[in-house]
Amino acid sequence: MVPSIVLTLDRFREMVSLKATVDDMRENLANRKLIEQAKGLLMDKKGMSESEAYTAIRAKSQEENKPMADIAQAIIMLDSLL
């Protein structure tokens, strides 16, 4: 009985860990999509190259001490207002 309980607990812990990993991966993918979309907007609207757009987002992120995804979201929101 005890070995099966231990095995069940181990599997439960593994499932919780895997779920956390999947959640992190989903968030990272969503953030990458935002950054890619914002880069595209900067490239189209400002005539920047891809690397210039990425550098601009990264620099603003560091300047504002905010995640790049937040800066990207702000760029996307501003574009939708204009």
PDB file of N, CA and C in Angstrom:
ATOM      1  N   MET A   1       0.822  -1.199   0.000  1.00  0.00           N
ATOM      2  CA  MET A   1       0.000   0.000   0.000  1.00  0.00           C
ATOM      3  C   MET A   1       0.868   1.265   0.000  1.00  0.00           C
ATOM      4  N   VAL A   2       1.861   1.316   0.864  1.00  0.00           N
ATOM      5  CA  VAL A   2       2.731   2.492   0.951  1.00  0.00           C
ATOM      6  C   VAL A   2       3.465   2.742  -0.375  1.00  0.00           C
ATOM      7  N   PRO A   3       4.023   1.710  -1.020  1.00  0.00           N
ATOM      8  CA  PRO A   3       4.698   1.972  -2.284  1.00  0.00           C
ATOM      9  C   PRO A   3       3.778   2.580  -3.356  1.00  0.00           C
ATOM     10  N   SER A   4       2.536   2.149  -3.382  1.00  0.00           N
ATOM     11  CA  SER A   4       1.619   2.714  -4.384  1.00  0.00           C
ATOM     12  C   SER A   4       1.281   4.165  -4.058  1.00  0.00           C
ATOM     13  N   ILE A   5       1.197   4.508  -2.798  1.00  0.00           N
ATOM     14  CA  ILE A   5       0.953   5.902  -2.399  1.00  0.00           C
ATOM     15  C   ILE A   5       2.155   6.763  -2.780  1.00  0.00           C
ATOM     16  N   VAL A   6       3.331   6.260  -2.515  1.00  0.00           N
ATOM     17  CA  VAL A   6       4.556   6.992  -2.865  1.00  0.00           C
ATOM     18  C   VAL A   6       4.631   7.193  -4.375  1.00  0.00           C
ATOM     19  N   LEU A   7       4.328   6.150  -5.123  1.00  0.00           N
ATOM     20  CA  LEU A   7       4.347   6.243  -6.585  1.00  0.00           C
ATOM     21  C   LEU A   7       3.316   7.249  -7.076  1.00  0.00           C
ATOM     22  N   THR A   8       2.144   7.227  -6.491  1.00  0.00           N
ATOM     23  CA  THR A   8       1.090   8.174  -6.868  1.00  0.00           C
ATOM     24  C   THR A   8       1.514   9.602  -6.565  1.00  0.00           C
ATOM     25  N   LEU A   9       2.110   9.836  -5.416  1.00  0.00           N
ATOM     26  CA  LEU A   9       2.581  11.175  -5.067  1.00  0.00           C
ATOM     27  C   LEU A   9       3.688  11.641  -6.015  1.00  0.00           C
ATOM     28  N   ASP A  10       4.591  10.741  -6.358  1.00  0.00           N
ATOM     29  CA  ASP A  10       5.661  11.084  -7.300  1.00  0.00           C
ATOM     30  C   ASP A  10       5.082  11.470  -8.662  1.00  0.00           C
ATOM     31  N   ARG A  11       4.119  10.713  -9.120  1.00  0.00           N
ATOM     32  CA  ARG A  11       3.485  11.024 -10.414  1.00  0.00           C
ATOM     33  C   ARG A  11       2.735  12.352 -10.348  1.00  0.00           C
ATOM     34  N   PHE A  12       2.076  12.596  -9.228  1.00  0.00           N
ATOM     35  CA  PHE A  12       1.372  13.860  -9.055  1.00  0.00           C
ATOM     36  C   PHE A  12       2.349  15.032  -9.114  1.00  0.00           C
ATOM     37  N   ARG A  13       3.459  14.912  -8.402  1.00  0.00           N
ATOM     38  CA  ARG A  13       4.477  15.972  -8.413  1.00  0.00           C
ATOM     39  C   ARG A  13       5.025  16.182  -9.822  1.00  0.00           C
ATOM     40  N   GLU A  14       5.231  15.103 -10.533  1.00  0.00           N
ATOM     41  CA  GLU A  14       5.720  15.195 -11.908  1.00  0.00           C
ATOM     42  C   GLU A  14       4.702  15.902 -12.794  1.00  0.00           C
ATOM     43  N   MET A  15       3.433  15.586 -12.639  1.00  0.00           N
ATOM     44  CA  MET A  15       2.379  16.224 -13.429  1.00  0.00           C
ATOM     45  C   MET A  15       2.300  17.719 -13.123  1.00  0.00           C
ATOM     46  N   VAL A  16       2.416  18.075 -11.848  1.00  0.00           N
ATOM     47  CA  VAL A  16       2.388  19.489 -11.466  1.00  0.00           C
ATOM     48  C   VAL A  16       3.574  20.211 -12.093  1.00  0.00           C
ATOM     49  N   SER A  17       4.730  19.595 -12.058  1.00  0.00           N
ATOM     50  CA  SER A  17       5.925  20.186 -12.655  1.00  0.00           C
ATOM     51  C   SER A  17       5.769  20.341 -14.166  1.00  0.00           C
ATOM     52  N   LEU A  18       5.236  19.331 -14.819  1.00  0.00           N
ATOM     53  CA  LEU A  18       5.018  19.410 -16.262  1.00  0.00           C
ATOM     54  C   LEU A  18       4.004  20.483 -16.620  1.00  0.00           C
ATOM     55  N   LYS A  19       2.960  20.617 -15.821  1.00  0.00           N
ATOM     56  CA  LYS A  19       1.966  21.655 -16.079  1.00  0.00           C
ATOM     57  C   LYS A  19       2.598  23.037 -15.950  1.00  0.00           C
ATOM     58  N   ALA A  20       3.430  23.228 -14.951  1.00  0.00           N
ATOM     59  CA  ALA A  20       4.110  24.514 -14.783  1.00  0.00           C
ATOM     60  C   ALA A  20       5.015  24.797 -15.978  1.00  0.00           C
ATOM     61  N   THR A  21       5.696  23.771 -16.467  1.00  0.00           N
ATOM     62  CA  THR A  21       6.563  23.937 -17.632  1.00  0.00           C
ATOM     63  C   THR A  21       5.754  24.318 -18.864  1.00  0.00           C
ATOM     64  N   VAL A  22       4.636  23.657 -19.059  1.00  0.00           N
ATOM     65  CA  VAL A  22       3.772  23.959 -20.205  1.00  0.00           C
ATOM     66  C   VAL A  22       3.236  25.383 -20.093  1.00  0.00           C
ATOM     67  N   ASP A  23       2.822  25.781 -18.912  1.00  0.00           N
ATOM     68  CA  ASP A  23       2.318  27.143 -18.706  1.00  0.00           C
ATOM     69  C   ASP A  23       3.397  28.179 -19.021  1.00  0.00           C
ATOM     70  N   ASP A  24       4.624  27.930 -18.574  1.00  0.00           N
ATOM     71  CA  ASP A  24       5.739  28.831 -18.862  1.00  0.00           C
ATOM     72  C   ASP A  24       6.000  28.912 -20.363  1.00  0.00           C
ATOM     73  N   MET A  25       5.943  27.765 -21.031  1.00  0.00           N
ATOM     74  CA  MET A  25       6.182  27.742 -22.471  1.00  0.00           C
ATOM     75  C   MET A  25       5.092  28.507 -23.217  1.00  0.00           C
ATOM     76  N   ARG A  26       3.852  28.367 -22.785  1.00  0.00           N
ATOM     77  CA  ARG A  26       2.744  29.102 -23.417  1.00  0.00           C
ATOM     78  C   ARG A  26       2.931  30.608 -23.244  1.00  0.00           C
ATOM     79  N   GLU A  27       3.323  31.011 -22.044  1.00  0.00           N
ATOM     80  CA  GLU A  27       3.540  32.435 -21.789  1.00  0.00           C
ATOM     81  C   GLU A  27       4.696  32.963 -22.637  1.00  0.00           C
ATOM     82  N   ASN A  28       5.777  32.207 -22.727  1.00  0.00           N
ATOM     83  CA  ASN A  28       6.917  32.618 -23.543  1.00  0.00           C
ATOM     84  C   ASN A  28       6.523  32.746 -25.007  1.00  0.00           C
ATOM     85  N   LEU A  29       5.722  31.807 -25.504  1.00  0.00           N
ATOM     86  CA  LEU A  29       5.273  31.863 -26.889  1.00  0.00           C
ATOM     87  C   LEU A  29       4.389  33.083 -27.122  1.00  0.00           C
ATOM     88  N   ALA A  30       3.484  33.350 -26.200  1.00  0.00           N
ATOM     89  CA  ALA A  30       2.617  34.523 -26.322  1.00  0.00           C
ATOM     90  C   ALA A  30       3.451  35.809 -26.324  1.00  0.00           C
ATOM     91  N   ASN A  31       4.467  35.869 -25.458  1.00  0.00           N
ATOM     92  CA  ASN A  31       5.338  37.046 -25.414  1.00  0.00           C
ATOM     93  C   ASN A  31       6.116  37.201 -26.710  1.00  0.00           C
ATOM     94  N   ARG A  32       6.613  36.100 -27.245  1.00  0.00           N
ATOM     95  CA  ARG A  32       7.350  36.158 -28.513  1.00  0.00           C
ATOM     96  C   ARG A  32       6.460  36.650 -29.638  1.00  0.00           C
ATOM     97  N   LYS A  33       5.203  36.215 -29.644  1.00  0.00           N
ATOM     98  CA  LYS A  33       4.267  36.664 -30.676  1.00  0.00           C
ATOM     99  C   LYS A  33       4.039  38.166 -30.580  1.00  0.00           C
ATOM    100  N   LEU A  34       3.891  38.679 -29.359  1.00  0.00           N
ATOM    101  CA  LEU A  34       3.718  40.115 -29.168  1.00  0.00           C
ATOM    102  C   LEU A  34       4.937  40.878 -29.676  1.00  0.00           C
ATOM    103  N   ILE A  35       6.107  40.389 -29.322  1.00  0.00           N
ATOM    104  CA  ILE A  35       7.345  41.065 -29.727  1.00  0.00           C
ATOM    105  C   ILE A  35       7.489  41.032 -31.244  1.00  0.00           C
ATOM    106  N   GLU A  36       7.178  39.906 -31.860  1.00  0.00           N
ATOM    107  CA  GLU A  36       7.252  39.802 -33.321  1.00  0.00           C
ATOM    108  C   GLU A  36       6.268  40.763 -33.993  1.00  0.00           C
ATOM    109  N   GLN A  37       5.073  40.854 -33.445  1.00  0.00           N
ATOM    110  CA  GLN A  37       4.073  41.759 -34.003  1.00  0.00           C
ATOM    111  C   GLN A  37       4.528  43.213 -33.864  1.00  0.00           C
ATOM    112  N   ALA A  38       5.061  43.562 -32.702  1.00  0.00           N
ATOM    113  CA  ALA A  38       5.542  44.930 -32.484  1.00  0.00           C
ATOM    114  C   ALA A  38       6.727  45.239 -33.404  1.00  0.00           C
ATOM    115  N   LYS A  39       7.627  44.268 -33.570  1.00  0.00           N
ATOM    116  CA  LYS A  39       8.749  44.461 -34.494  1.00  0.00           C
ATOM    117  C   LYS A  39       8.220  44.737 -35.896  1.00  0.00           C
ATOM    118  N   GLY A  40       7.240  43.961 -36.324  1.00  0.00           N
ATOM    119  CA  GLY A  40       6.650  44.156 -37.642  1.00  0.00           C
ATOM    120  C   GLY A  40       6.063  45.544 -37.806  1.00  0.00           C
ATOM    121  N   LEU A  41       5.395  46.026 -36.770  1.00  0.00           N
ATOM    122  CA  LEU A  41       4.826  47.377 -36.829  1.00  0.00           C
ATOM    123  C   LEU A  41       5.916  48.426 -36.945  1.00  0.00           C
ATOM    124  N   LEU A  42       6.968  48.291 -36.153  1.00  0.00           N
ATOM    125  CA  LEU A  42       8.070  49.253 -36.228  1.00  0.00           C
ATOM    126  C   LEU A  42       8.749  49.209 -37.598  1.00  0.00           C
ATOM    127  N   MET A  43       8.875  48.013 -38.130  1.00  0.00           N
ATOM    128  CA  MET A  43       9.500  47.877 -39.450  1.00  0.00           C
ATOM    129  C   MET A  43       8.637  48.554 -40.517  1.00  0.00           C
ATOM    130  N   ASP A  44       7.315  48.359 -40.447  1.00  0.00           N
ATOM    131  CA  ASP A  44       6.408  48.951 -41.436  1.00  0.00           C
ATOM    132  C   ASP A  44       6.261  50.456 -41.260  1.00  0.00           C
ATOM    133  N   LYS A  45       6.030  50.888 -40.040  1.00  0.00           N
ATOM    134  CA  LYS A  45       5.709  52.305 -39.776  1.00  0.00           C
ATOM    135  C   LYS A  45       6.944  53.200 -39.723  1.00  0.00           C
ATOM    136  N   LYS A  46       8.046  52.659 -39.220  1.00  0.00           N
ATOM    137  CA  LYS A  46       9.251  53.473 -39.030  1.00  0.00           C
ATOM    138  C   LYS A  46      10.357  53.140 -40.019  1.00  0.00           C
ATOM    139  N   GLY A  47      10.138  52.142 -40.855  1.00  0.00           N
ATOM    140  CA  GLY A  47      11.149  51.766 -41.828  1.00  0.00           C
ATOM    141  C   GLY A  47      12.400  51.168 -41.211  1.00  0.00           C
ATOM    142  N   MET A  48      12.247  50.546 -40.070  1.00  0.00           N
ATOM    143  CA  MET A  48      13.392  49.936 -39.381  1.00  0.00           C
ATOM    144  C   MET A  48      13.659  48.548 -39.935  1.00  0.00           C
ATOM    145  N   SER A  49      14.888  48.105 -39.780  1.00  0.00           N
ATOM    146  CA  SER A  49      15.205  46.705 -40.076  1.00  0.00           C
ATOM    147  C   SER A  49      14.723  45.872 -38.889  1.00  0.00           C
ATOM    148  N   GLU A  50      14.723  44.569 -39.060  1.00  0.00           N
ATOM    149  CA  GLU A  50      14.284  43.694 -37.975  1.00  0.00           C
ATOM    150  C   GLU A  50      15.167  43.863 -36.743  1.00  0.00           C
ATOM    151  N   SER A  51      16.467  43.931 -36.956  1.00  0.00           N
ATOM    152  CA  SER A  51      17.378  44.061 -35.813  1.00  0.00           C
ATOM    153  C   SER A  51      17.242  45.430 -35.149  1.00  0.00           C
ATOM    154  N   GLU A  52      16.995  46.477 -35.930  1.00  0.00           N
ATOM    155  CA  GLU A  52      16.783  47.802 -35.349  1.00  0.00           C
ATOM    156  C   GLU A  52      15.504  47.825 -34.507  1.00  0.00           C
ATOM    157  N   ALA A  53      14.459  47.190 -35.015  1.00  0.00           N
ATOM    158  CA  ALA A  53      13.190  47.154 -34.286  1.00  0.00           C
ATOM    159  C   ALA A  53      13.352  46.392 -32.974  1.00  0.00           C
ATOM    160  N   TYR A  54      14.037  45.256 -33.036  1.00  0.00           N
ATOM    161  CA  TYR A  54      14.264  44.464 -31.828  1.00  0.00           C
ATOM    162  C   TYR A  54      15.095  45.261 -30.832  1.00  0.00           C
ATOM    163  N   THR A  55      16.140  45.909 -31.317  1.00  0.00           N
ATOM    164  CA  THR A  55      17.003  46.705 -30.441  1.00  0.00           C
ATOM    165  C   THR A  55      16.227  47.848 -29.798  1.00  0.00           C
ATOM    166  N   ALA A  56      15.328  48.473 -30.548  1.00  0.00           N
ATOM    167  CA  ALA A  56      14.524  49.572 -30.012  1.00  0.00           C
ATOM    168  C   ALA A  56      13.600  49.071 -28.899  1.00  0.00           C
ATOM    169  N   ILE A  57      12.974  47.929 -29.116  1.00  0.00           N
ATOM    170  CA  ILE A  57      12.095  47.362 -28.089  1.00  0.00           C
ATOM    171  C   ILE A  57      12.900  46.992 -26.853  1.00  0.00           C
ATOM    172  N   ARG A  58      14.042  46.365 -27.073  1.00  0.00           N
ATOM    173  CA  ARG A  58      14.892  45.966 -25.944  1.00  0.00           C
ATOM    174  C   ARG A  58      15.382  47.188 -25.171  1.00  0.00           C
ATOM    175  N   ALA A  59      15.813  48.224 -25.890  1.00  0.00           N
ATOM    176  CA  ALA A  59      16.314  49.435 -25.227  1.00  0.00           C
ATOM    177  C   ALA A  59      15.224  50.097 -24.401  1.00  0.00           C
ATOM    178  N   LYS A  60      14.018  50.188 -24.957  1.00  0.00           N
ATOM    179  CA  LYS A  60      12.902  50.794 -24.222  1.00  0.00           C
ATOM    180  C   LYS A  60      12.552  49.949 -22.998  1.00  0.00           C
ATOM    181  N   SER A  61      12.639  48.646 -23.149  1.00  0.00           N
ATOM    182  CA  SER A  61      12.390  47.727 -22.040  1.00  0.00           C
ATOM    183  C   SER A  61      13.368  47.985 -20.896  1.00  0.00           C
ATOM    184  N   GLN A  62      14.630  48.145 -21.245  1.00  0.00           N
ATOM    185  CA  GLN A  62      15.653  48.407 -20.225  1.00  0.00           C
ATOM    186  C   GLN A  62      15.484  49.790 -19.618  1.00  0.00           C
ATOM    187  N   GLU A  63      15.155  50.761 -20.464  1.00  0.00           N
ATOM    188  CA  GLU A  63      14.973  52.136 -19.992  1.00  0.00           C
ATOM    189  C   GLU A  63      13.801  52.239 -19.015  1.00  0.00           C
ATOM    190  N   GLU A  64      12.711  51.561 -19.336  1.00  0.00           N
ATOM    191  CA  GLU A  64      11.509  51.605 -18.505  1.00  0.00           C
ATOM    192  C   GLU A  64      11.517  50.553 -17.388  1.00  0.00           C
ATOM    193  N   ASN A  65      12.495  49.656 -17.437  1.00  0.00           N
ATOM    194  CA  ASN A  65      12.583  48.547 -16.485  1.00  0.00           C
ATOM    195  C   ASN A  65      11.296  47.715 -16.491  1.00  0.00           C
ATOM    196  N   LYS A  66      10.847  47.404 -17.715  1.00  0.00           N
ATOM    197  CA  LYS A  66       9.647  46.601 -17.926  1.00  0.00           C
ATOM    198  C   LYS A  66       9.993  45.469 -18.881  1.00  0.00           C
ATOM    199  N   PRO A  67       9.243  44.388 -18.821  1.00  0.00           N
ATOM    200  CA  PRO A  67       9.489  43.288 -19.758  1.00  0.00           C
ATOM    201  C   PRO A  67       9.257  43.718 -21.204  1.00  0.00           C
ATOM    202  N   MET A  68       9.984  43.097 -22.113  1.00  0.00           N
ATOM    203  CA  MET A  68       9.841  43.415 -23.536  1.00  0.00           C
ATOM    204  C   MET A  68       8.414  43.187 -24.012  1.00  0.00           C
ATOM    205  N   ALA A  69       7.752  42.193 -23.468  1.00  0.00           N
ATOM    206  CA  ALA A  69       6.373  41.916 -23.877  1.00  0.00           C
ATOM    207  C   ALA A  69       5.449  43.079 -23.524  1.00  0.00           C
ATOM    208  N   ASP A  70       5.697  43.739 -22.406  1.00  0.00           N
ATOM    209  CA  ASP A  70       4.890  44.903 -22.031  1.00  0.00           C
ATOM    210  C   ASP A  70       5.114  46.056 -23.001  1.00  0.00           C
ATOM    211  N   ILE A  71       6.355  46.262 -23.393  1.00  0.00           N
ATOM    212  CA  ILE A  71       6.669  47.321 -24.358  1.00  0.00           C
ATOM    213  C   ILE A  71       6.029  46.991 -25.699  1.00  0.00           C
ATOM    214  N   ALA A  72       6.125  45.743 -26.103  1.00  0.00           N
ATOM    215  CA  ALA A  72       5.523  45.314 -27.366  1.00  0.00           C
ATOM    216  C   ALA A  72       4.014  45.525 -27.333  1.00  0.00           C
ATOM    217  N   GLN A  73       3.386  45.188 -26.223  1.00  0.00           N
ATOM    218  CA  GLN A  73       1.936  45.378 -26.093  1.00  0.00           C
ATOM    219  C   GLN A  73       1.576  46.853 -26.209  1.00  0.00           C
ATOM    220  N   ALA A  74       2.379  47.725 -25.622  1.00  0.00           N
ATOM    221  CA  ALA A  74       2.127  49.163 -25.714  1.00  0.00           C
ATOM    222  C   ALA A  74       2.249  49.646 -27.156  1.00  0.00           C
ATOM    223  N   ILE A  75       3.232  49.156 -27.885  1.00  0.00           N
ATOM    224  CA  ILE A  75       3.403  49.539 -29.294  1.00  0.00           C
ATOM    225  C   ILE A  75       2.188  49.104 -30.099  1.00  0.00           C
ATOM    226  N   ILE A  76       1.723  47.895 -29.850  1.00  0.00           N
ATOM    227  CA  ILE A  76       0.554  47.372 -30.564  1.00  0.00           C
ATOM    228  C   ILE A  76      -0.689  48.189 -30.228  1.00  0.00           C
ATOM    229  N   MET A  77      -0.845  48.550 -28.967  1.00  0.00           N
ATOM    230  CA  MET A  77      -2.003  49.344 -28.560  1.00  0.00           C
ATOM    231  C   MET A  77      -1.974  50.738 -29.198  1.00  0.00           C
ATOM    232  N   LEU A  78      -0.795  51.342 -29.208  1.00  0.00           N
ATOM    233  CA  LEU A  78      -0.677  52.665 -29.820  1.00  0.00           C
ATOM    234  C   LEU A  78      -1.000  52.606 -31.303  1.00  0.00           C
ATOM    235  N   ASP A  79      -0.555  51.574 -31.963  1.00  0.00           N
ATOM    236  CA  ASP A  79      -0.846  51.449 -33.384  1.00  0.00           C
ATOM    237  C   ASP A  79      -2.340  51.294 -33.632  1.00  0.00           C
ATOM    238  N   SER A  80      -3.017  50.568 -32.752  1.00  0.00           N
ATOM    239  CA  SER A  80      -4.457  50.370 -32.950  1.00  0.00           C
ATOM    240  C   SER A  80      -5.241  51.657 -32.722  1.00  0.00           C
ATOM    241  N   LEU A  81      -4.680  52.591 -31.972  1.00  0.00           N
ATOM    242  CA  LEU A  81      -5.346  53.875 -31.739  1.00  0.00           C
ATOM    243  C   LEU A  81      -5.161  54.835 -32.907  1.00  0.00           C
ATOM    244  N   LEU A  82      -4.104  54.653 -33.650  1.00  0.00           N
ATOM    245  CA  LEU A  82      -3.813  55.596 -34.738  1.00  0.00           C
ATOM    246  C   LEU A  82      -4.434  55.214 -36.029  1.00  0.00           C
TER     247      LEU A  82
END
